[in-house]
Amino acid sequence: MTPTIQEAIEAISVLERTVQDVHVDEHLLTVTVDDVTYSIVMATLTVTSLTHCGEGLVAVEAVCGKTFSYSYTMSLI
């Protein structure tokens, strides 16, 4: 396993554990600003993981790989 893939797996694991913790205790992630407390509305909490790649790259699992263009000829007999 490459270091990049290992890092992605660890990051996703941390995110998953955080979401699980918040499901157990909604008040885990509360913020107070100017005496107003904001907290998560559990019905609106979603987690999505995406891999964004630049031009000429394609997402493969959690990493980006180069795309290659080849020309070929096909003959049907």
PDB file of N, CA and C in Angstrom:
ATOM      1  N   MET A   1       0.847  -1.170   0.000  1.00  0.00           N
ATOM      2  CA  MET A   1       0.000   0.000   0.000  1.00  0.00           C
ATOM      3  C   MET A   1       0.896   1.238   0.000  1.00  0.00           C
ATOM      4  N   THR A   2       0.558   2.176  -0.861  1.00  0.00           N
ATOM      5  CA  THR A   2       1.372   3.381  -0.964  1.00  0.00           C
ATOM      6  C   THR A   2       1.060   4.324   0.203  1.00  0.00           C
ATOM      7  N   PRO A   3       1.981   5.213   0.537  1.00  0.00           N
ATOM      8  CA  PRO A   3       1.726   6.178   1.607  1.00  0.00           C
ATOM      9  C   PRO A   3       0.498   7.049   1.332  1.00  0.00           C
ATOM     10  N   THR A   4       0.249   7.395   0.070  1.00  0.00           N
ATOM     11  CA  THR A   4      -0.912   8.225  -0.271  1.00  0.00           C
ATOM     12  C   THR A   4      -2.211   7.502   0.034  1.00  0.00           C
ATOM     13  N   ILE A   5      -2.287   6.240  -0.344  1.00  0.00           N
ATOM     14  CA  ILE A   5      -3.493   5.459  -0.067  1.00  0.00           C
ATOM     15  C   ILE A   5      -3.662   5.271   1.435  1.00  0.00           C
ATOM     16  N   GLN A   6      -2.576   5.003   2.148  1.00  0.00           N
ATOM     17  CA  GLN A   6      -2.640   4.841   3.601  1.00  0.00           C
ATOM     18  C   GLN A   6      -3.153   6.118   4.264  1.00  0.00           C
ATOM     19  N   GLU A   7      -2.659   7.266   3.797  1.00  0.00           N
ATOM     20  CA  GLU A   7      -3.100   8.551   4.353  1.00  0.00           C
ATOM     21  C   GLU A   7      -4.584   8.778   4.093  1.00  0.00           C
ATOM     22  N   ALA A   8      -5.046   8.436   2.904  1.00  0.00           N
ATOM     23  CA  ALA A   8      -6.466   8.600   2.577  1.00  0.00           C
ATOM     24  C   ALA A   8      -7.328   7.694   3.447  1.00  0.00           C
ATOM     25  N   ILE A   9      -6.901   6.468   3.644  1.00  0.00           N
ATOM     26  CA  ILE A   9      -7.652   5.530   4.484  1.00  0.00           C
ATOM     27  C   ILE A   9      -7.734   6.039   5.914  1.00  0.00           C
ATOM     28  N   GLU A  10      -6.626   6.544   6.437  1.00  0.00           N
ATOM     29  CA  GLU A  10      -6.621   7.076   7.797  1.00  0.00           C
ATOM     30  C   GLU A  10      -7.538   8.294   7.921  1.00  0.00           C
ATOM     31  N   ALA A  11      -7.520   9.173   6.916  1.00  0.00           N
ATOM     32  CA  ALA A  11      -8.369  10.366   6.957  1.00  0.00           C
ATOM     33  C   ALA A  11      -9.845   9.983   6.928  1.00  0.00           C
ATOM     34  N   ILE A  12     -10.202   9.025   6.097  1.00  0.00           N
ATOM     35  CA  ILE A  12     -11.593   8.572   6.025  1.00  0.00           C
ATOM     36  C   ILE A  12     -11.994   7.906   7.331  1.00  0.00           C
ATOM     37  N   SER A  13     -11.086   7.160   7.943  1.00  0.00           N
ATOM     38  CA  SER A  13     -11.381   6.506   9.224  1.00  0.00           C
ATOM     39  C   SER A  13     -11.643   7.541  10.322  1.00  0.00           C
ATOM     40  N   VAL A  14     -10.841   8.601  10.357  1.00  0.00           N
ATOM     41  CA  VAL A  14     -11.043   9.666  11.347  1.00  0.00           C
ATOM     42  C   VAL A  14     -12.396  10.328  11.121  1.00  0.00           C
ATOM     43  N   LEU A  15     -12.733  10.595   9.877  1.00  0.00           N
ATOM     44  CA  LEU A  15     -14.023  11.208   9.566  1.00  0.00           C
ATOM     45  C   LEU A  15     -15.174  10.309   9.994  1.00  0.00           C
ATOM     46  N   GLU A  16     -15.062   9.017   9.716  1.00  0.00           N
ATOM     47  CA  GLU A  16     -16.111   8.075  10.093  1.00  0.00           C
ATOM     48  C   GLU A  16     -16.278   8.006  11.617  1.00  0.00           C
ATOM     49  N   ARG A  17     -15.162   7.951  12.352  1.00  0.00           N
ATOM     50  CA  ARG A  17     -15.238   7.920  13.821  1.00  0.00           C
ATOM     51  C   ARG A  17     -15.860   9.200  14.367  1.00  0.00           C
ATOM     52  N   THR A  18     -15.536  10.332  13.760  1.00  0.00           N
ATOM     53  CA  THR A  18     -16.107  11.608  14.200  1.00  0.00           C
ATOM     54  C   THR A  18     -17.617  11.614  14.018  1.00  0.00           C
ATOM     55  N   VAL A  19     -18.074  11.153  12.878  1.00  0.00           N
ATOM     56  CA  VAL A  19     -19.520  11.096  12.627  1.00  0.00           C
ATOM     57  C   VAL A  19     -20.187  10.154  13.621  1.00  0.00           C
ATOM     58  N   GLN A  20     -19.566   9.011  13.884  1.00  0.00           N
ATOM     59  CA  GLN A  20     -20.130   8.075  14.859  1.00  0.00           C
ATOM     60  C   GLN A  20     -20.205   8.718  16.244  1.00  0.00           C
ATOM     61  N   ASP A  21     -19.165   9.437  16.632  1.00  0.00           N
ATOM     62  CA  ASP A  21     -19.162  10.119  17.932  1.00  0.00           C
ATOM     63  C   ASP A  21     -20.272  11.159  18.013  1.00  0.00           C
ATOM     64  N   VAL A  22     -20.482  11.897  16.938  1.00  0.00           N
ATOM     65  CA  VAL A  22     -21.533  12.927  16.931  1.00  0.00           C
ATOM     66  C   VAL A  22     -22.910  12.278  17.003  1.00  0.00           C
ATOM     67  N   HIS A  23     -23.079  11.119  16.378  1.00  0.00           N
ATOM     68  CA  HIS A  23     -24.353  10.419  16.471  1.00  0.00           C
ATOM     69  C   HIS A  23     -24.637   9.992  17.911  1.00  0.00           C
ATOM     70  N   VAL A  24     -23.595   9.672  18.662  1.00  0.00           N
ATOM     71  CA  VAL A  24     -23.757   9.267  20.059  1.00  0.00           C
ATOM     72  C   VAL A  24     -24.054  10.485  20.935  1.00  0.00           C
ATOM     73  N   ASP A  25     -23.363  11.596  20.691  1.00  0.00           N
ATOM     74  CA  ASP A  25     -23.525  12.800  21.507  1.00  0.00           C
ATOM     75  C   ASP A  25     -23.606  14.025  20.598  1.00  0.00           C
ATOM     76  N   GLU A  26     -24.831  14.478  20.318  1.00  0.00           N
ATOM     77  CA  GLU A  26     -25.048  15.612  19.421  1.00  0.00           C
ATOM     78  C   GLU A  26     -24.355  16.882  19.895  1.00  0.00           C
ATOM     79  N   HIS A  27     -24.121  16.993  21.187  1.00  0.00           N
ATOM     80  CA  HIS A  27     -23.541  18.207  21.752  1.00  0.00           C
ATOM     81  C   HIS A  27     -22.009  18.219  21.647  1.00  0.00           C
ATOM     82  N   LEU A  28     -21.458  17.154  21.074  1.00  0.00           N
ATOM     83  CA  LEU A  28     -20.010  17.071  20.917  1.00  0.00           C
ATOM     84  C   LEU A  28     -19.480  18.207  20.039  1.00  0.00           C
ATOM     85  N   LEU A  29     -20.233  18.560  19.017  1.00  0.00           N
ATOM     86  CA  LEU A  29     -19.814  19.625  18.119  1.00  0.00           C
ATOM     87  C   LEU A  29     -20.765  20.818  18.238  1.00  0.00           C
ATOM     88  N   THR A  30     -20.618  21.570  19.292  1.00  0.00           N
ATOM     89  CA  THR A  30     -21.393  22.796  19.463  1.00  0.00           C
ATOM     90  C   THR A  30     -20.432  23.975  19.496  1.00  0.00           C
ATOM     91  N   VAL A  31     -20.913  25.089  18.993  1.00  0.00           N
ATOM     92  CA  VAL A  31     -20.109  26.303  18.953  1.00  0.00           C
ATOM     93  C   VAL A  31     -20.945  27.438  19.518  1.00  0.00           C
ATOM     94  N   THR A  32     -20.338  28.250  20.380  1.00  0.00           N
ATOM     95  CA  THR A  32     -21.027  29.409  20.934  1.00  0.00           C
ATOM     96  C   THR A  32     -20.350  30.681  20.436  1.00  0.00           C
ATOM     97  N   VAL A  33     -21.156  31.544  19.816  1.00  0.00           N
ATOM     98  CA  VAL A  33     -20.666  32.814  19.295  1.00  0.00           C
ATOM     99  C   VAL A  33     -21.604  33.905  19.800  1.00  0.00           C
ATOM    100  N   ASP A  34     -21.053  34.882  20.491  1.00  0.00           N
ATOM    101  CA  ASP A  34     -21.860  35.993  21.043  1.00  0.00           C
ATOM    102  C   ASP A  34     -23.058  35.482  21.828  1.00  0.00           C
ATOM    103  N   ASP A  35     -22.810  34.534  22.717  1.00  0.00           N
ATOM    104  CA  ASP A  35     -23.833  33.948  23.588  1.00  0.00           C
ATOM    105  C   ASP A  35     -24.913  33.161  22.845  1.00  0.00           C
ATOM    106  N   VAL A  36     -24.704  32.846  21.601  1.00  0.00           N
ATOM    107  CA  VAL A  36     -25.625  32.004  20.837  1.00  0.00           C
ATOM    108  C   VAL A  36     -24.923  30.686  20.568  1.00  0.00           C
ATOM    109  N   THR A  37     -25.577  29.579  20.946  1.00  0.00           N
ATOM    110  CA  THR A  37     -24.988  28.260  20.766  1.00  0.00           C
ATOM    111  C   THR A  37     -25.556  27.604  19.511  1.00  0.00           C
ATOM    112  N   TYR A  38     -24.649  27.136  18.670  1.00  0.00           N
ATOM    113  CA  TYR A  38     -25.030  26.449  17.450  1.00  0.00           C
ATOM    114  C   TYR A  38     -24.641  24.985  17.597  1.00  0.00           C
ATOM    115  N   SER A  39     -25.519  24.097  17.160  1.00  0.00           N
ATOM    116  CA  SER A  39     -25.211  22.668  17.214  1.00  0.00           C
ATOM    117  C   SER A  39     -25.702  21.999  15.931  1.00  0.00           C
ATOM    118  N   ILE A  40     -25.329  20.758  15.768  1.00  0.00           N
ATOM    119  CA  ILE A  40     -25.669  20.005  14.568  1.00  0.00           C
ATOM    120  C   ILE A  40     -27.108  19.515  14.650  1.00  0.00           C
ATOM    121  N   VAL A  41     -27.814  19.640  13.546  1.00  0.00           N
ATOM    122  CA  VAL A  41     -29.133  19.022  13.421  1.00  0.00           C
ATOM    123  C   VAL A  41     -28.881  17.666  12.774  1.00  0.00           C
ATOM    124  N   MET A  42     -29.067  16.611  13.541  1.00  0.00           N
ATOM    125  CA  MET A  42     -28.665  15.284  13.084  1.00  0.00           C
ATOM    126  C   MET A  42     -29.326  14.884  11.763  1.00  0.00           C
ATOM    127  N   ALA A  43     -30.538  15.333  11.528  1.00  0.00           N
ATOM    128  CA  ALA A  43     -31.229  14.957  10.291  1.00  0.00           C
ATOM    129  C   ALA A  43     -30.543  15.535   9.057  1.00  0.00           C
ATOM    130  N   THR A  44     -29.706  16.567   9.242  1.00  0.00           N
ATOM    131  CA  THR A  44     -29.051  17.192   8.094  1.00  0.00           C
ATOM    132  C   THR A  44     -27.589  16.786   7.961  1.00  0.00           C
ATOM    133  N   LEU A  45     -27.104  15.937   8.837  1.00  0.00           N
ATOM    134  CA  LEU A  45     -25.691  15.537   8.810  1.00  0.00           C
ATOM    135  C   LEU A  45     -25.474  14.430   7.785  1.00  0.00           C
ATOM    136  N   THR A  46     -24.649  14.717   6.784  1.00  0.00           N
ATOM    137  CA  THR A  46     -24.283  13.710   5.792  1.00  0.00           C
ATOM    138  C   THR A  46     -22.772  13.752   5.584  1.00  0.00           C
ATOM    139  N   VAL A  47     -22.223  12.633   5.213  1.00  0.00           N
ATOM    140  CA  VAL A  47     -20.796  12.545   4.940  1.00  0.00           C
ATOM    141  C   VAL A  47     -20.622  11.962   3.545  1.00  0.00           C
ATOM    142  N   THR A  48     -19.809  12.628   2.750  1.00  0.00           N
ATOM    143  CA  THR A  48     -19.528  12.165   1.397  1.00  0.00           C
ATOM    144  C   THR A  48     -18.032  12.257   1.167  1.00  0.00           C
ATOM    145  N   SER A  49     -17.473  11.242   0.575  1.00  0.00           N
ATOM    146  CA  SER A  49     -16.056  11.307   0.248  1.00  0.00           C
ATOM    147  C   SER A  49     -15.902  11.290  -1.267  1.00  0.00           C
ATOM    148  N   LEU A  50     -15.146  12.236  -1.767  1.00  0.00           N
ATOM    149  CA  LEU A  50     -14.891  12.350  -3.198  1.00  0.00           C
ATOM    150  C   LEU A  50     -13.407  12.554  -3.427  1.00  0.00           C
ATOM    151  N   THR A  51     -12.939  12.139  -4.563  1.00  0.00           N
ATOM    152  CA  THR A  51     -11.565  12.399  -4.961  1.00  0.00           C
ATOM    153  C   THR A  51     -11.619  13.328  -6.160  1.00  0.00           C
ATOM    154  N   HIS A  52     -11.063  14.517  -6.014  1.00  0.00           N
ATOM    155  CA  HIS A  52     -11.030  15.493  -7.097  1.00  0.00           C
ATOM    156  C   HIS A  52      -9.651  15.452  -7.744  1.00  0.00           C
ATOM    157  N   CYS A  53      -9.633  15.264  -9.048  1.00  0.00           N
ATOM    158  CA  CYS A  53      -8.367  15.170  -9.770  1.00  0.00           C
ATOM    159  C   CYS A  53      -8.294  16.265 -10.832  1.00  0.00           C
ATOM    160  N   GLY A  54      -7.087  16.694 -11.115  1.00  0.00           N
ATOM    161  CA  GLY A  54      -6.872  17.705 -12.135  1.00  0.00           C
ATOM    162  C   GLY A  54      -6.978  17.133 -13.538  1.00  0.00           C
ATOM    163  N   GLU A  55      -6.803  18.006 -14.520  1.00  0.00           N
ATOM    164  CA  GLU A  55      -6.883  17.606 -15.921  1.00  0.00           C
ATOM    165  C   GLU A  55      -5.825  16.546 -16.232  1.00  0.00           C
ATOM    166  N   GLY A  56      -6.232  15.528 -16.960  1.00  0.00           N
ATOM    167  CA  GLY A  56      -5.311  14.458 -17.327  1.00  0.00           C
ATOM    168  C   GLY A  56      -5.165  13.385 -16.266  1.00  0.00           C
ATOM    169  N   LEU A  57      -5.919  13.525 -15.178  1.00  0.00           N
ATOM    170  CA  LEU A  57      -5.876  12.536 -14.101  1.00  0.00           C
ATOM    171  C   LEU A  57      -7.263  11.944 -13.912  1.00  0.00           C
ATOM    172  N   VAL A  58      -7.295  10.730 -13.413  1.00  0.00           N
ATOM    173  CA  VAL A  58      -8.562  10.055 -13.161  1.00  0.00           C
ATOM    174  C   VAL A  58      -8.545   9.514 -11.727  1.00  0.00           C
ATOM    175  N   ALA A  59      -9.698   9.567 -11.073  1.00  0.00           N
ATOM    176  CA  ALA A  59      -9.797   9.064  -9.700  1.00  0.00           C
ATOM    177  C   ALA A  59      -9.814   7.536  -9.703  1.00  0.00           C
ATOM    178  N   VAL A  60      -8.901   6.965  -8.920  1.00  0.00           N
ATOM    179  CA  VAL A  60      -8.846   5.522  -8.731  1.00  0.00           C
ATOM    180  C   VAL A  60      -8.814   5.306  -7.233  1.00  0.00           C
ATOM    181  N   GLU A  61      -9.943   4.813  -6.693  1.00  0.00           N
ATOM    182  CA  GLU A  61     -10.086   4.706  -5.245  1.00  0.00           C
ATOM    183  C   GLU A  61      -9.922   6.101  -4.635  1.00  0.00           C
ATOM    184  N   ALA A  62      -8.952   6.290  -3.764  1.00  0.00           N
ATOM    185  CA  ALA A  62      -8.796   7.584  -3.088  1.00  0.00           C
ATOM    186  C   ALA A  62      -7.635   8.406  -3.629  1.00  0.00           C
ATOM    187  N   VAL A  63      -7.071   7.995  -4.750  1.00  0.00           N
ATOM    188  CA  VAL A  63      -5.931   8.712  -5.319  1.00  0.00           C
ATOM    189  C   VAL A  63      -6.193   9.039  -6.785  1.00  0.00           C
ATOM    190  N   CYS A  64      -5.363   9.896  -7.340  1.00  0.00           N
ATOM    191  CA  CYS A  64      -5.468  10.267  -8.749  1.00  0.00           C
ATOM    192  C   CYS A  64      -4.357   9.582  -9.538  1.00  0.00           C
ATOM    193  N   GLY A  65      -4.706   9.118 -10.705  1.00  0.00           N
ATOM    194  CA  GLY A  65      -3.722   8.490 -11.571  1.00  0.00           C
ATOM    195  C   GLY A  65      -3.741   9.137 -12.948  1.00  0.00           C
ATOM    196  N   LYS A  66      -2.620   9.060 -13.630  1.00  0.00           N
ATOM    197  CA  LYS A  66      -2.526   9.632 -14.971  1.00  0.00           C
ATOM    198  C   LYS A  66      -3.347   8.808 -15.950  1.00  0.00           C
ATOM    199  N   THR A  67      -3.975   9.515 -16.876  1.00  0.00           N
ATOM    200  CA  THR A  67      -4.670   8.826 -17.951  1.00  0.00           C
ATOM    201  C   THR A  67      -3.760   8.807 -19.165  1.00  0.00           C
ATOM    202  N   PHE A  68      -3.805   7.743 -19.892  1.00  0.00           N
ATOM    203  CA  PHE A  68      -2.970   7.605 -21.072  1.00  0.00           C
ATOM    204  C   PHE A  68      -3.869   7.434 -22.285  1.00  0.00           C
ATOM    205  N   SER A  69      -3.478   8.036 -23.370  1.00  0.00           N
ATOM    206  CA  SER A  69      -4.230   7.940 -24.608  1.00  0.00           C
ATOM    207  C   SER A  69      -3.390   7.171 -25.613  1.00  0.00           C
ATOM    208  N   TYR A  70      -3.945   6.110 -26.150  1.00  0.00           N
ATOM    209  CA  TYR A  70      -3.259   5.308 -27.141  1.00  0.00           C
ATOM    210  C   TYR A  70      -4.124   5.221 -28.385  1.00  0.00           C
ATOM    211  N   SER A  71      -3.488   5.136 -29.502  1.00  0.00           N
ATOM    212  CA  SER A  71      -4.233   4.884 -30.729  1.00  0.00           C
ATOM    213  C   SER A  71      -3.998   3.431 -31.108  1.00  0.00           C
ATOM    214  N   TYR A  72      -5.007   2.818 -31.665  1.00  0.00           N
ATOM    215  CA  TYR A  72      -4.887   1.433 -32.061  1.00  0.00           C
ATOM    216  C   TYR A  72      -5.786   1.175 -33.263  1.00  0.00           C
ATOM    217  N   THR A  73      -5.507   0.108 -33.923  1.00  0.00           N
ATOM    218  CA  THR A  73      -6.281  -0.283 -35.090  1.00  0.00           C
ATOM    219  C   THR A  73      -6.902  -1.644 -34.816  1.00  0.00           C
ATOM    220  N   MET A  74      -8.176  -1.767 -35.184  1.00  0.00           N
ATOM    221  CA  MET A  74      -8.870  -3.042 -34.978  1.00  0.00           C
ATOM    222  C   MET A  74      -9.285  -3.571 -36.342  1.00  0.00           C
ATOM    223  N   SER A  75      -8.976  -4.802 -36.591  1.00  0.00           N
ATOM    224  CA  SER A  75      -9.378  -5.435 -37.839  1.00  0.00           C
ATOM    225  C   SER A  75     -10.371  -6.532 -37.521  1.00  0.00           C
ATOM    226  N   LEU A  76     -11.469  -6.505 -38.215  1.00  0.00           N
ATOM    227  CA  LEU A  76     -12.467  -7.570 -38.063  1.00  0.00           C
ATOM    228  C   LEU A  76     -12.383  -8.496 -39.261  1.00  0.00           C
ATOM    229  N   ILE A  77     -12.309  -9.759 -38.993  1.00  0.00           N
ATOM    230  CA  ILE A  77     -12.190 -10.743 -40.091  1.00  0.00           C
ATOM    231  C   ILE A  77     -13.516 -11.427 -40.278  1.00  0.00           C
TER     232      ILE A  77
END
